[in-house]
N, C-alpha and C. Protein backbone atom coordinates (compact mmCIF):
# COMPACT_ATOMS: atom_id res chain seq x y z
N UNK A 1 -159.58 -87.64 -55.16
CA UNK A 1 -160.68 -86.15 -54.37
C UNK A 1 -160.51 -85.44 -55.80
N UNK A 2 -161.01 -84.81 -55.64
CA UNK A 2 -161.87 -83.82 -57.41
C UNK A 2 -161.40 -82.03 -56.64
N UNK A 3 -160.77 -81.68 -57.26
CA UNK A 3 -160.10 -80.36 -56.97
C UNK A 3 -161.23 -78.86 -57.01
N UNK A 4 -161.35 -78.10 -56.66
CA UNK A 4 -161.95 -76.84 -57.03
C UNK A 4 -161.27 -75.88 -57.78
N UNK A 5 -162.59 -75.53 -58.22
CA UNK A 5 -162.10 -74.38 -59.60
C UNK A 5 -160.78 -73.66 -59.07
N UNK A 6 -160.74 -72.75 -58.07
CA UNK A 6 -160.63 -71.93 -57.04
C UNK A 6 -158.81 -73.17 -57.40
N UNK A 7 -158.64 -74.42 -56.62
CA UNK A 7 -157.50 -74.83 -56.55
C UNK A 7 -156.78 -75.04 -57.91
N UNK A 8 -157.44 -75.76 -59.05
CA UNK A 8 -157.01 -75.66 -60.33
C UNK A 8 -156.22 -74.53 -60.97
N UNK A 9 -156.72 -73.61 -60.64
CA UNK A 9 -156.06 -72.50 -60.98
C UNK A 9 -154.46 -71.74 -60.25
N UNK A 10 -154.30 -72.45 -58.86
CA UNK A 10 -153.23 -72.49 -58.34
C UNK A 10 -152.33 -73.81 -58.71
N UNK A 11 -152.46 -74.86 -59.15
CA UNK A 11 -151.95 -75.56 -59.62
C UNK A 11 -150.81 -75.57 -60.54
N UNK A 12 -149.28 -75.49 -60.64
CA UNK A 12 -148.81 -75.57 -61.61
C UNK A 12 -148.04 -76.64 -62.35
N UNK A 13 -147.62 -76.73 -63.88
CA UNK A 13 -147.27 -77.91 -64.21
C UNK A 13 -145.96 -77.31 -64.45
N UNK A 14 -144.58 -78.20 -63.94
CA UNK A 14 -143.29 -78.09 -64.46
C UNK A 14 -142.97 -78.96 -64.76
N UNK A 15 -142.48 -78.80 -66.05
CA UNK A 15 -141.73 -79.08 -66.92
C UNK A 15 -140.12 -79.98 -66.20
N UNK A 16 -140.10 -80.98 -67.23
CA UNK A 16 -138.65 -81.82 -66.42
C UNK A 16 -137.80 -81.16 -66.87
N UNK A 17 -136.46 -81.28 -65.65
CA UNK A 17 -135.04 -80.84 -65.71
C UNK A 17 -134.82 -80.42 -67.03
N UNK A 18 -134.03 -79.75 -67.41
CA UNK A 18 -133.75 -79.63 -68.55
C UNK A 18 -131.89 -79.58 -68.74
N UNK A 19 -131.06 -81.14 -69.35
CA UNK A 19 -130.11 -81.34 -69.19
C UNK A 19 -129.34 -80.61 -70.16
N UNK A 20 -128.49 -79.06 -69.32
CA UNK A 20 -127.80 -77.86 -70.54
C UNK A 20 -126.77 -78.77 -70.98
N UNK A 21 -126.03 -79.68 -70.71
CA UNK A 21 -124.85 -80.34 -71.12
C UNK A 21 -125.64 -81.39 -72.55
N UNK A 22 -126.40 -82.01 -72.41
CA UNK A 22 -127.24 -82.49 -73.68
C UNK A 22 -128.20 -82.05 -75.21
N UNK A 23 -128.71 -80.43 -73.75
CA UNK A 23 -128.85 -79.59 -75.32
C UNK A 23 -127.53 -78.82 -75.94
N UNK A 24 -126.40 -78.27 -75.35
CA UNK A 24 -125.36 -77.85 -76.14
C UNK A 24 -124.93 -78.91 -77.16
N UNK A 25 -124.74 -80.07 -76.16
CA UNK A 25 -124.01 -81.27 -77.47
C UNK A 25 -125.22 -81.33 -79.09
N UNK A 26 -126.42 -81.49 -78.82
CA UNK A 26 -127.09 -81.52 -79.57
C UNK A 26 -127.32 -80.18 -81.04
N UNK A 27 -127.21 -79.03 -79.90
CA UNK A 27 -127.30 -77.79 -80.69
C UNK A 27 -125.55 -77.94 -81.83
N UNK A 28 -124.47 -78.64 -81.14
CA UNK A 28 -123.79 -78.43 -81.22
C UNK A 28 -123.09 -79.53 -82.74
N UNK A 29 -124.05 -80.57 -82.65
CA UNK A 29 -123.56 -81.96 -83.76
C UNK A 29 -124.26 -81.07 -85.21
N UNK A 30 -125.20 -80.14 -85.72
CA UNK A 30 -125.33 -79.97 -86.85
C UNK A 30 -124.27 -79.15 -87.30
N UNK A 31 -123.57 -77.92 -86.48
CA UNK A 31 -122.43 -77.54 -86.85
C UNK A 31 -120.87 -78.40 -87.24
N UNK A 32 -120.86 -79.48 -86.25
CA UNK A 32 -119.67 -80.26 -86.56
C UNK A 32 -119.69 -80.54 -87.66
N UNK A 33 -120.82 -81.25 -88.44
CA UNK A 33 -121.10 -82.17 -89.34
C UNK A 33 -121.32 -81.52 -90.45
N UNK A 34 -121.02 -80.12 -90.41
CA UNK A 34 -120.87 -78.98 -91.46
C UNK A 34 -119.77 -78.68 -91.66
N UNK A 35 -118.99 -78.72 -90.38
CA UNK A 35 -117.46 -78.67 -90.55
C UNK A 35 -116.69 -79.54 -91.28
N UNK A 36 -117.28 -81.11 -90.39
CA UNK A 36 -116.37 -82.01 -91.21
C UNK A 36 -116.58 -81.77 -92.88
N UNK A 37 -118.05 -81.96 -93.30
CA UNK A 37 -118.04 -81.47 -94.35
C UNK A 37 -117.15 -80.37 -95.20
N UNK A 38 -117.21 -79.21 -94.81
CA UNK A 38 -116.65 -78.51 -95.28
C UNK A 38 -114.79 -79.14 -95.43
N UNK A 39 -114.29 -78.90 -94.56
CA UNK A 39 -112.76 -80.05 -94.02
C UNK A 39 -112.51 -80.72 -95.21
N UNK A 40 -113.28 -81.73 -95.48
CA UNK A 40 -113.10 -82.94 -96.60
C UNK A 40 -113.52 -82.26 -97.75
N UNK A 41 -114.57 -81.35 -97.99
CA UNK A 41 -114.91 -80.83 -99.67
C UNK A 41 -112.98 -79.77 -99.02
N UNK A 42 -112.79 -79.15 -98.68
CA UNK A 42 -111.38 -78.34 -98.99
C UNK A 42 -110.59 -79.41 -99.34
N UNK A 43 -110.16 -80.22 -98.17
CA UNK A 43 -108.61 -80.86 -98.35
C UNK A 43 -108.74 -81.81 -99.80
N UNK A 44 -110.23 -82.41 -100.37
CA UNK A 44 -110.58 -83.23 -101.32
C UNK A 44 -109.80 -82.10 -102.55
N UNK A 45 -110.43 -81.36 -102.53
CA UNK A 45 -110.21 -80.06 -103.30
C UNK A 45 -109.09 -79.62 -103.66
N UNK A 46 -108.01 -79.72 -102.18
CA UNK A 46 -106.74 -79.66 -102.61
C UNK A 46 -105.96 -80.69 -103.58
N UNK A 47 -106.56 -81.87 -103.09
CA UNK A 47 -105.89 -82.77 -103.38
C UNK A 47 -106.36 -83.42 -105.01
N UNK A 48 -107.51 -82.96 -105.44
CA UNK A 48 -108.04 -83.40 -106.95
C UNK A 48 -106.97 -82.10 -107.53
N UNK A 49 -106.90 -81.04 -107.19
CA UNK A 49 -106.40 -79.55 -107.73
C UNK A 49 -104.70 -80.53 -108.07
N UNK A 50 -104.31 -81.03 -107.09
CA UNK A 50 -102.86 -81.24 -107.00
C UNK A 50 -102.55 -82.51 -108.20
N UNK A 51 -103.54 -83.35 -108.29
CA UNK A 51 -103.44 -84.24 -109.20
C UNK A 51 -103.75 -83.98 -111.06
N UNK A 52 -104.49 -82.98 -110.97
CA UNK A 52 -104.45 -81.83 -111.87
C UNK A 52 -102.75 -81.98 -112.61
N UNK A 53 -102.72 -80.57 -111.46
CA UNK A 53 -101.24 -80.77 -111.79
C UNK A 53 -100.84 -81.10 -112.06
N UNK A 54 -100.37 -82.87 -111.34
CA UNK A 54 -99.57 -83.76 -112.18
C UNK A 54 -99.42 -84.16 -113.33
N UNK A 55 -101.00 -84.63 -113.35
CA UNK A 55 -101.61 -84.94 -114.83
C UNK A 55 -101.29 -84.20 -116.43
N UNK A 56 -101.27 -82.50 -116.14
CA UNK A 56 -101.11 -81.84 -116.49
C UNK A 56 -99.59 -81.47 -117.04
N UNK A 57 -98.27 -81.86 -116.07
CA UNK A 57 -97.40 -81.56 -116.28
C UNK A 57 -96.93 -83.38 -117.08
N UNK A 58 -97.77 -84.47 -116.63
CA UNK A 58 -97.74 -85.19 -117.81
C UNK A 58 -97.42 -85.30 -119.07
N UNK A 59 -98.87 -84.49 -119.04
CA UNK A 59 -99.42 -84.39 -120.75
C UNK A 59 -98.51 -83.14 -121.55
N UNK A 60 -97.43 -82.61 -120.17
CA UNK A 60 -96.68 -81.30 -120.89
C UNK A 60 -95.61 -82.41 -121.67
N UNK A 61 -95.30 -83.11 -121.21
CA UNK A 61 -93.37 -83.65 -120.89
C UNK A 61 -93.61 -85.14 -121.58
N UNK A 62 -94.76 -85.18 -121.80
CA UNK A 62 -95.14 -86.74 -122.84
C UNK A 62 -94.86 -86.25 -124.40
N UNK A 63 -93.98 -87.10 -124.49
CA UNK A 63 -93.68 -87.59 -126.10
C UNK A 63 -94.92 -87.76 -127.22
N UNK A 64 -95.38 -88.74 -126.08
CA UNK A 64 -96.60 -89.39 -127.17
C UNK A 64 -97.72 -88.89 -126.87
N UNK A 65 -98.60 -88.12 -128.25
CA UNK A 65 -99.45 -87.25 -128.37
C UNK A 65 -100.88 -88.00 -127.64
N UNK A 66 -100.67 -89.54 -127.59
CA UNK A 66 -102.13 -90.31 -127.22
C UNK A 66 -102.03 -90.16 -125.63
N UNK A 67 -100.69 -89.92 -125.49
CA UNK A 67 -100.77 -89.98 -123.52
C UNK A 67 -101.43 -88.85 -123.30
N UNK A 68 -100.71 -87.39 -123.77
CA UNK A 68 -101.48 -86.53 -123.84
C UNK A 68 -102.61 -86.12 -123.63
N UNK A 69 -103.12 -86.42 -125.09
CA UNK A 69 -104.89 -86.31 -125.12
C UNK A 69 -105.20 -87.11 -124.31
N UNK A 70 -104.70 -88.16 -123.41
CA UNK A 70 -105.59 -88.94 -123.10
C UNK A 70 -105.52 -88.09 -121.62
N UNK A 71 -104.35 -87.73 -120.84
CA UNK A 71 -104.36 -86.98 -119.82
C UNK A 71 -105.12 -85.48 -119.57
N UNK A 72 -105.55 -85.04 -120.49
CA UNK A 72 -106.07 -83.90 -120.88
C UNK A 72 -107.89 -84.14 -121.10
N UNK A 73 -107.96 -85.29 -121.44
CA UNK A 73 -109.45 -85.76 -121.47
C UNK A 73 -109.99 -86.46 -119.95
N UNK A 74 -108.84 -86.70 -119.30
CA UNK A 74 -109.08 -87.55 -117.65
C UNK A 74 -109.09 -85.68 -117.03
N UNK A 75 -108.69 -85.00 -117.25
CA UNK A 75 -108.09 -83.74 -116.65
C UNK A 75 -109.85 -83.62 -116.55
N UNK A 76 -110.29 -83.43 -117.37
CA UNK A 76 -111.61 -82.66 -117.98
C UNK A 76 -112.70 -83.42 -117.12
N UNK A 77 -112.70 -84.73 -117.49
CA UNK A 77 -113.44 -85.43 -116.45
C UNK A 77 -113.27 -84.73 -114.65
N UNK A 78 -111.97 -84.84 -114.21
CA UNK A 78 -112.18 -84.92 -112.95
C UNK A 78 -112.52 -83.49 -112.51
N UNK A 79 -111.95 -82.62 -113.60
CA UNK A 79 -112.95 -81.14 -113.16
C UNK A 79 -114.64 -81.04 -112.84
N UNK A 80 -114.90 -81.62 -113.93
CA UNK A 80 -116.94 -82.17 -113.91
C UNK A 80 -117.02 -82.33 -112.47
N UNK A 81 -116.26 -84.06 -112.25
CA UNK A 81 -117.12 -84.71 -111.19
C UNK A 81 -116.06 -84.30 -109.80
N UNK A 82 -114.85 -83.86 -109.95
CA UNK A 82 -114.63 -83.02 -108.83
C UNK A 82 -114.75 -81.98 -108.08
N UNK A 83 -114.02 -81.32 -109.27
CA UNK A 83 -113.83 -79.86 -108.89
C UNK A 83 -114.66 -78.65 -109.01
N UNK A 84 -115.67 -78.87 -109.57
CA UNK A 84 -116.96 -78.02 -109.26
C UNK A 84 -117.81 -78.38 -108.35
N UNK A 85 -117.74 -79.87 -107.99
CA UNK A 85 -119.11 -80.27 -107.15
C UNK A 85 -118.28 -79.92 -105.36
N UNK A 86 -116.74 -80.23 -105.35
CA UNK A 86 -116.03 -79.84 -104.36
C UNK A 86 -115.76 -78.80 -104.13
N UNK A 87 -114.93 -77.87 -104.98
CA UNK A 87 -115.06 -76.38 -104.59
C UNK A 87 -116.35 -75.42 -103.83
N UNK A 88 -117.81 -75.61 -105.06
CA UNK A 88 -118.85 -75.44 -104.66
C UNK A 88 -118.92 -75.86 -103.43
N UNK A 89 -118.89 -76.92 -102.78
CA UNK A 89 -119.21 -77.54 -101.76
C UNK A 89 -118.28 -76.89 -100.72
N UNK A 90 -117.16 -76.59 -100.96
CA UNK A 90 -116.58 -76.01 -99.67
C UNK A 90 -117.13 -74.46 -99.66
N UNK A 91 -117.64 -73.64 -100.48
CA UNK A 91 -117.71 -72.56 -101.28
C UNK A 91 -118.69 -72.19 -100.04
N UNK A 92 -119.78 -73.27 -99.99
CA UNK A 92 -121.38 -73.11 -99.39
C UNK A 92 -121.15 -73.02 -97.97
N UNK A 93 -120.08 -74.61 -97.64
CA UNK A 93 -120.30 -75.21 -96.12
C UNK A 93 -119.48 -73.88 -95.37
N UNK A 94 -118.86 -73.29 -96.08
CA UNK A 94 -117.58 -72.19 -95.59
C UNK A 94 -118.66 -70.78 -95.28
N UNK A 95 -119.04 -70.75 -95.81
CA UNK A 95 -120.21 -69.58 -95.86
C UNK A 95 -121.39 -69.61 -94.37
N UNK A 96 -121.92 -70.89 -94.74
CA UNK A 96 -122.50 -71.47 -93.48
C UNK A 96 -122.12 -71.17 -92.30
N UNK A 97 -121.06 -71.52 -92.23
CA UNK A 97 -120.08 -71.81 -90.90
C UNK A 97 -119.93 -70.23 -90.31
N UNK A 98 -119.07 -69.47 -91.68
CA UNK A 98 -118.87 -67.95 -91.06
C UNK A 98 -119.72 -67.07 -90.64
N UNK A 99 -121.34 -67.38 -91.05
CA UNK A 99 -122.05 -66.72 -90.94
C UNK A 99 -123.09 -67.11 -89.08
N UNK A 100 -122.96 -68.46 -89.11
CA UNK A 100 -123.34 -68.75 -87.85
C UNK A 100 -122.33 -68.72 -86.81
N UNK A 101 -121.17 -67.89 -87.29
CA UNK A 101 -120.16 -68.24 -85.91
C UNK A 101 -119.42 -67.13 -85.76
N UNK A 102 -119.06 -66.64 -84.45
CA UNK A 102 -118.64 -65.28 -83.88
C UNK A 102 -117.49 -64.86 -85.30
N UNK A 103 -116.77 -65.75 -85.41
CA UNK A 103 -115.77 -64.92 -87.00
C UNK A 103 -116.44 -64.54 -87.78
N UNK A 104 -117.43 -64.37 -88.52
CA UNK A 104 -118.14 -63.42 -89.16
C UNK A 104 -117.63 -63.83 -90.77
N UNK A 105 -118.52 -63.02 -91.76
CA UNK A 105 -117.90 -63.40 -92.95
C UNK A 105 -116.83 -62.28 -93.89
N UNK A 106 -116.83 -61.24 -92.71
CA UNK A 106 -115.94 -60.08 -92.98
C UNK A 106 -115.62 -59.55 -91.59
N UNK A 107 -116.07 -60.26 -90.71
CA UNK A 107 -115.48 -59.34 -89.35
C UNK A 107 -114.02 -59.70 -89.20
N UNK A 108 -113.33 -60.81 -89.54
CA UNK A 108 -111.92 -61.39 -89.08
C UNK A 108 -111.49 -61.36 -91.30
N UNK A 109 -110.21 -60.67 -90.96
CA UNK A 109 -109.33 -60.35 -92.22
C UNK A 109 -109.22 -62.60 -93.12
N UNK A 110 -108.51 -63.23 -91.57
CA UNK A 110 -108.65 -64.46 -92.19
C UNK A 110 -109.97 -65.07 -92.97
N UNK A 111 -111.32 -64.80 -92.61
CA UNK A 111 -112.47 -65.88 -93.45
C UNK A 111 -112.73 -65.39 -94.53
N UNK A 112 -112.60 -63.46 -94.88
CA UNK A 112 -112.70 -63.24 -95.68
C UNK A 112 -112.13 -63.40 -96.70
N UNK A 113 -110.11 -63.60 -96.56
CA UNK A 113 -109.54 -64.13 -97.79
C UNK A 113 -109.50 -65.12 -97.67
N UNK A 114 -109.89 -65.95 -97.10
CA UNK A 114 -110.72 -67.54 -97.18
C UNK A 114 -111.82 -67.61 -98.37
N UNK A 115 -112.67 -66.78 -97.85
CA UNK A 115 -113.92 -66.58 -98.46
C UNK A 115 -113.46 -66.23 -100.40
N UNK A 116 -112.45 -64.81 -100.11
CA UNK A 116 -112.11 -64.70 -101.75
C UNK A 116 -111.14 -65.72 -102.73
N UNK A 117 -109.82 -66.69 -101.53
CA UNK A 117 -109.32 -66.93 -102.33
C UNK A 117 -110.32 -68.47 -103.02
N UNK A 118 -110.64 -68.66 -102.36
CA UNK A 118 -111.86 -69.75 -102.75
C UNK A 118 -112.86 -69.49 -104.31
N UNK A 119 -113.36 -68.07 -103.95
CA UNK A 119 -113.93 -67.49 -105.16
C UNK A 119 -112.54 -67.72 -106.58
N UNK A 120 -111.93 -67.12 -105.84
CA UNK A 120 -110.65 -66.87 -107.37
C UNK A 120 -110.16 -68.48 -107.43
N UNK A 121 -110.03 -69.42 -106.70
CA UNK A 121 -109.52 -70.62 -107.55
C UNK A 121 -111.01 -71.39 -108.48
N UNK A 122 -112.02 -71.06 -107.85
CA UNK A 122 -113.28 -71.34 -109.02
C UNK A 122 -113.38 -70.42 -110.50
N UNK A 123 -113.18 -69.27 -109.78
CA UNK A 123 -112.91 -68.72 -111.20
C UNK A 123 -111.98 -68.75 -111.82
N UNK A 124 -110.40 -68.96 -111.48
CA UNK A 124 -109.47 -69.47 -112.08
C UNK A 124 -109.74 -70.70 -112.75
N UNK A 125 -110.26 -71.80 -112.34
CA UNK A 125 -110.63 -72.82 -113.15
C UNK A 125 -111.63 -72.56 -114.21
N UNK A 126 -112.97 -71.59 -114.12
CA UNK A 126 -113.56 -71.62 -114.87
C UNK A 126 -113.02 -71.11 -116.01
N UNK A 127 -112.31 -69.50 -115.79
CA UNK A 127 -111.92 -68.78 -116.98
C UNK A 127 -110.74 -69.23 -117.51
N UNK A 128 -109.61 -70.33 -116.86
CA UNK A 128 -108.32 -70.28 -117.02
C UNK A 128 -108.16 -71.42 -118.03
N UNK A 129 -108.31 -72.48 -116.79
CA UNK A 129 -108.02 -74.17 -117.25
C UNK A 129 -109.43 -74.28 -117.94
N UNK A 130 -108.45 -74.52 -119.47
CA UNK A 130 -109.21 -75.91 -120.44
C UNK A 130 -108.71 -76.62 -120.66
N UNK A 131 -109.09 -77.80 -120.20
CA UNK A 131 -108.43 -79.33 -120.33
C UNK A 131 -108.77 -79.66 -121.90
N UNK A 132 -110.19 -79.55 -121.76
CA UNK A 132 -111.08 -79.73 -123.04
C UNK A 132 -110.34 -79.14 -124.39
N UNK A 133 -109.91 -78.25 -124.32
CA UNK A 133 -109.38 -77.38 -126.14
C UNK A 133 -107.96 -78.36 -126.19
N UNK A 134 -107.23 -78.22 -124.75
CA UNK A 134 -105.93 -78.76 -125.05
C UNK A 134 -105.78 -80.44 -125.35
N UNK A 135 -107.16 -81.36 -124.88
CA UNK A 135 -107.05 -82.31 -125.62
C UNK A 135 -107.19 -82.02 -127.17
N UNK A 136 -108.02 -81.39 -127.64
CA UNK A 136 -108.47 -81.07 -128.93
C UNK A 136 -106.56 -80.88 -129.34
N UNK A 137 -106.29 -79.82 -129.19
CA UNK A 137 -105.00 -79.03 -129.82
C UNK A 137 -103.82 -79.93 -129.46
N UNK A 138 -103.94 -81.28 -129.06
CA UNK A 138 -103.09 -82.11 -129.29
C UNK A 138 -103.43 -83.17 -130.37
N UNK A 139 -104.76 -83.62 -130.36
CA UNK A 139 -104.87 -84.05 -131.16
C UNK A 139 -105.06 -83.83 -132.82
N UNK A 140 -105.13 -82.55 -133.07
CA UNK A 140 -105.11 -81.60 -134.57
C UNK A 140 -103.34 -81.21 -134.39
N UNK A 141 -102.81 -81.10 -133.33
CA UNK A 141 -101.76 -80.70 -133.25
C UNK A 141 -100.73 -79.08 -133.39
N UNK A 142 -102.55 -78.72 -133.03
CA UNK A 142 -101.76 -77.13 -132.67
C UNK A 142 -101.65 -75.90 -131.34
N UNK A 143 -101.55 -77.11 -130.44
CA UNK A 143 -101.23 -76.96 -129.44
C UNK A 143 -99.84 -77.12 -128.73
N UNK A 144 -99.87 -75.62 -128.49
CA UNK A 144 -97.75 -75.18 -128.02
C UNK A 144 -97.62 -75.68 -127.06
N UNK A 145 -96.34 -75.72 -126.77
CA UNK A 145 -95.69 -75.95 -125.40
C UNK A 145 -95.94 -74.57 -124.08
N UNK A 146 -95.83 -73.61 -125.36
CA UNK A 146 -96.18 -72.45 -124.23
C UNK A 146 -97.11 -72.62 -123.56
N UNK A 147 -98.89 -73.02 -124.30
CA UNK A 147 -100.13 -73.03 -123.92
C UNK A 147 -99.86 -73.94 -122.44
N UNK A 148 -99.07 -75.52 -122.79
CA UNK A 148 -99.75 -76.31 -121.97
C UNK A 148 -98.70 -76.01 -120.64
N UNK A 149 -97.43 -75.16 -120.37
CA UNK A 149 -96.96 -74.48 -119.17
C UNK A 149 -97.90 -73.23 -119.09
N UNK A 150 -98.43 -73.21 -119.79
CA UNK A 150 -99.62 -71.82 -119.08
C UNK A 150 -100.61 -72.11 -117.94
N UNK A 151 -100.98 -73.69 -118.80
CA UNK A 151 -102.17 -74.41 -117.89
C UNK A 151 -101.33 -75.12 -116.46
N UNK A 152 -100.39 -75.44 -116.86
CA UNK A 152 -99.52 -76.24 -115.60
C UNK A 152 -99.36 -74.89 -114.21
N UNK A 153 -99.58 -73.30 -114.96
CA UNK A 153 -98.85 -72.26 -114.38
C UNK A 153 -100.33 -71.95 -113.49
N UNK A 154 -101.65 -72.42 -114.35
CA UNK A 154 -103.06 -71.77 -113.77
C UNK A 154 -102.92 -72.94 -112.63
N UNK A 155 -102.78 -74.17 -112.69
CA UNK A 155 -103.18 -75.32 -112.02
C UNK A 155 -102.53 -74.95 -110.75
N UNK A 156 -100.76 -74.69 -110.65
CA UNK A 156 -100.23 -74.44 -109.40
C UNK A 156 -100.71 -73.26 -108.79
N UNK A 157 -100.98 -72.30 -109.95
CA UNK A 157 -101.67 -71.06 -108.94
C UNK A 157 -103.12 -71.42 -108.18
N UNK A 158 -103.64 -72.18 -108.50
CA UNK A 158 -104.99 -72.83 -107.63
C UNK A 158 -104.29 -73.57 -106.75
N UNK A 159 -103.24 -74.74 -106.38
CA UNK A 159 -102.93 -74.85 -105.50
C UNK A 159 -102.34 -73.97 -104.21
N UNK A 160 -101.24 -72.77 -104.89
CA UNK A 160 -100.64 -72.38 -103.96
C UNK A 160 -102.18 -71.55 -103.33
N UNK A 161 -103.29 -70.84 -103.83
CA UNK A 161 -104.48 -69.90 -103.32
C UNK A 161 -105.03 -70.98 -102.33
N UNK A 162 -105.44 -72.41 -102.20
CA UNK A 162 -105.84 -73.17 -101.58
C UNK A 162 -104.90 -73.25 -100.31
N UNK A 163 -103.33 -73.87 -100.96
CA UNK A 163 -102.37 -73.92 -99.42
C UNK A 163 -102.37 -72.91 -98.42
N UNK A 164 -102.95 -71.42 -98.48
CA UNK A 164 -102.74 -70.25 -98.01
C UNK A 164 -103.87 -70.27 -97.38
N UNK A 165 -104.87 -70.75 -98.33
CA UNK A 165 -106.78 -70.98 -97.06
C UNK A 165 -106.56 -71.70 -96.49
N UNK A 166 -105.88 -73.07 -96.64
CA UNK A 166 -105.69 -73.70 -95.61
C UNK A 166 -104.27 -73.39 -94.27
N UNK A 167 -103.82 -72.49 -94.60
CA UNK A 167 -102.43 -72.07 -93.76
C UNK A 167 -103.84 -70.96 -92.79
N UNK A 168 -104.28 -69.96 -93.20
CA UNK A 168 -105.13 -69.29 -92.57
C UNK A 168 -105.74 -69.93 -91.58
N UNK A 169 -106.77 -70.73 -92.26
CA UNK A 169 -107.86 -71.74 -91.31
C UNK A 169 -106.56 -72.08 -89.80
N UNK A 170 -105.61 -73.11 -90.37
CA UNK A 170 -104.84 -73.25 -89.17
C UNK A 170 -104.81 -72.05 -87.76
N UNK A 171 -104.31 -71.41 -88.42
CA UNK A 171 -103.43 -70.12 -88.04
C UNK A 171 -104.64 -68.97 -87.66
N UNK A 172 -105.16 -68.85 -87.59
CA UNK A 172 -106.13 -67.67 -87.77
C UNK A 172 -106.20 -66.48 -86.99
N UNK A 173 -105.43 -65.79 -87.36
CA UNK A 173 -105.21 -64.30 -87.65
C UNK A 173 -106.05 -63.59 -86.67
N UNK A 174 -105.89 -62.98 -85.59
CA UNK A 174 -106.64 -62.36 -84.75
C UNK A 174 -107.08 -60.85 -85.37
N UNK A 175 -106.54 -60.54 -86.91
CA UNK A 175 -106.83 -58.87 -87.25
C UNK A 175 -108.47 -59.08 -87.71
N UNK A 176 -109.42 -58.15 -87.41
CA UNK A 176 -110.30 -57.46 -87.68
C UNK A 176 -109.93 -56.54 -89.00
N UNK A 177 -111.39 -56.69 -89.80
CA UNK A 177 -111.23 -55.83 -90.80
C UNK A 177 -111.92 -54.49 -90.38
N UNK A 178 -112.99 -54.42 -89.11
CA UNK A 178 -113.57 -53.02 -88.51
C UNK A 178 -114.87 -53.15 -89.11
N UNK A 179 -115.05 -54.52 -89.75
CA UNK A 179 -117.02 -54.86 -90.17
C UNK A 179 -117.64 -55.53 -89.54
N UNK A 180 -118.29 -54.78 -88.89
CA UNK A 180 -119.34 -55.56 -87.57
C UNK A 180 -120.87 -55.82 -88.17
N UNK A 181 -121.40 -57.07 -87.87
CA UNK A 181 -122.90 -57.40 -87.94
C UNK A 181 -123.08 -55.58 -87.69
N UNK A 182 -124.69 -55.64 -87.79
CA UNK A 182 -125.09 -54.17 -87.46
C UNK A 182 -126.35 -55.20 -86.14
N UNK A 183 -126.31 -54.13 -85.56
CA UNK A 183 -127.29 -54.78 -84.15
C UNK A 183 -128.86 -54.92 -84.90
N UNK A 184 -129.15 -55.80 -84.57
CA UNK A 184 -130.36 -56.42 -84.76
C UNK A 184 -130.89 -55.69 -84.18
N UNK A 185 -132.59 -55.51 -84.72
CA UNK A 185 -133.68 -54.52 -83.91
C UNK A 185 -134.10 -55.65 -82.51
N UNK A 186 -134.76 -54.82 -81.85
CA UNK A 186 -135.13 -55.79 -80.67
C UNK A 186 -137.19 -56.08 -81.35
């Protein structure tokens, strides 16, 4: 049967019904994957820094300069192969998650403090932790005990900052900063 021109105009095509549950699941999947990456990177970073504390204590308390030098050399490799990639992954995924969530990046204190702590951990590691120079100092005998304990303190500070960030992520204090996103133009 052939439709006339007038009939063709009035025919409407309906789309198949959309399953809202399936759509919601699909939209949550990338966020959940990103959340998993963020949690794994953050927890791994905490573990890596704790491992550096243990290695640094071993080097500081060792009577054997070869053991101390080896520990500092291992610390240097762990920082470049673990600490830097993990801290940057934690920072990047945390920012993306915050910006794309109702928590926002600066709307709640706990999110903002976590961001500041993550940046502080990175800066402390970059500017204050120097396992390479400690390894050289052990080899030539110029590394002082005070400098070794200073390095232990630097790493311990990083552990404390990461533990505070973890605690904030678990308890999520509801206090807001008072800063909100500006309304988007229509």
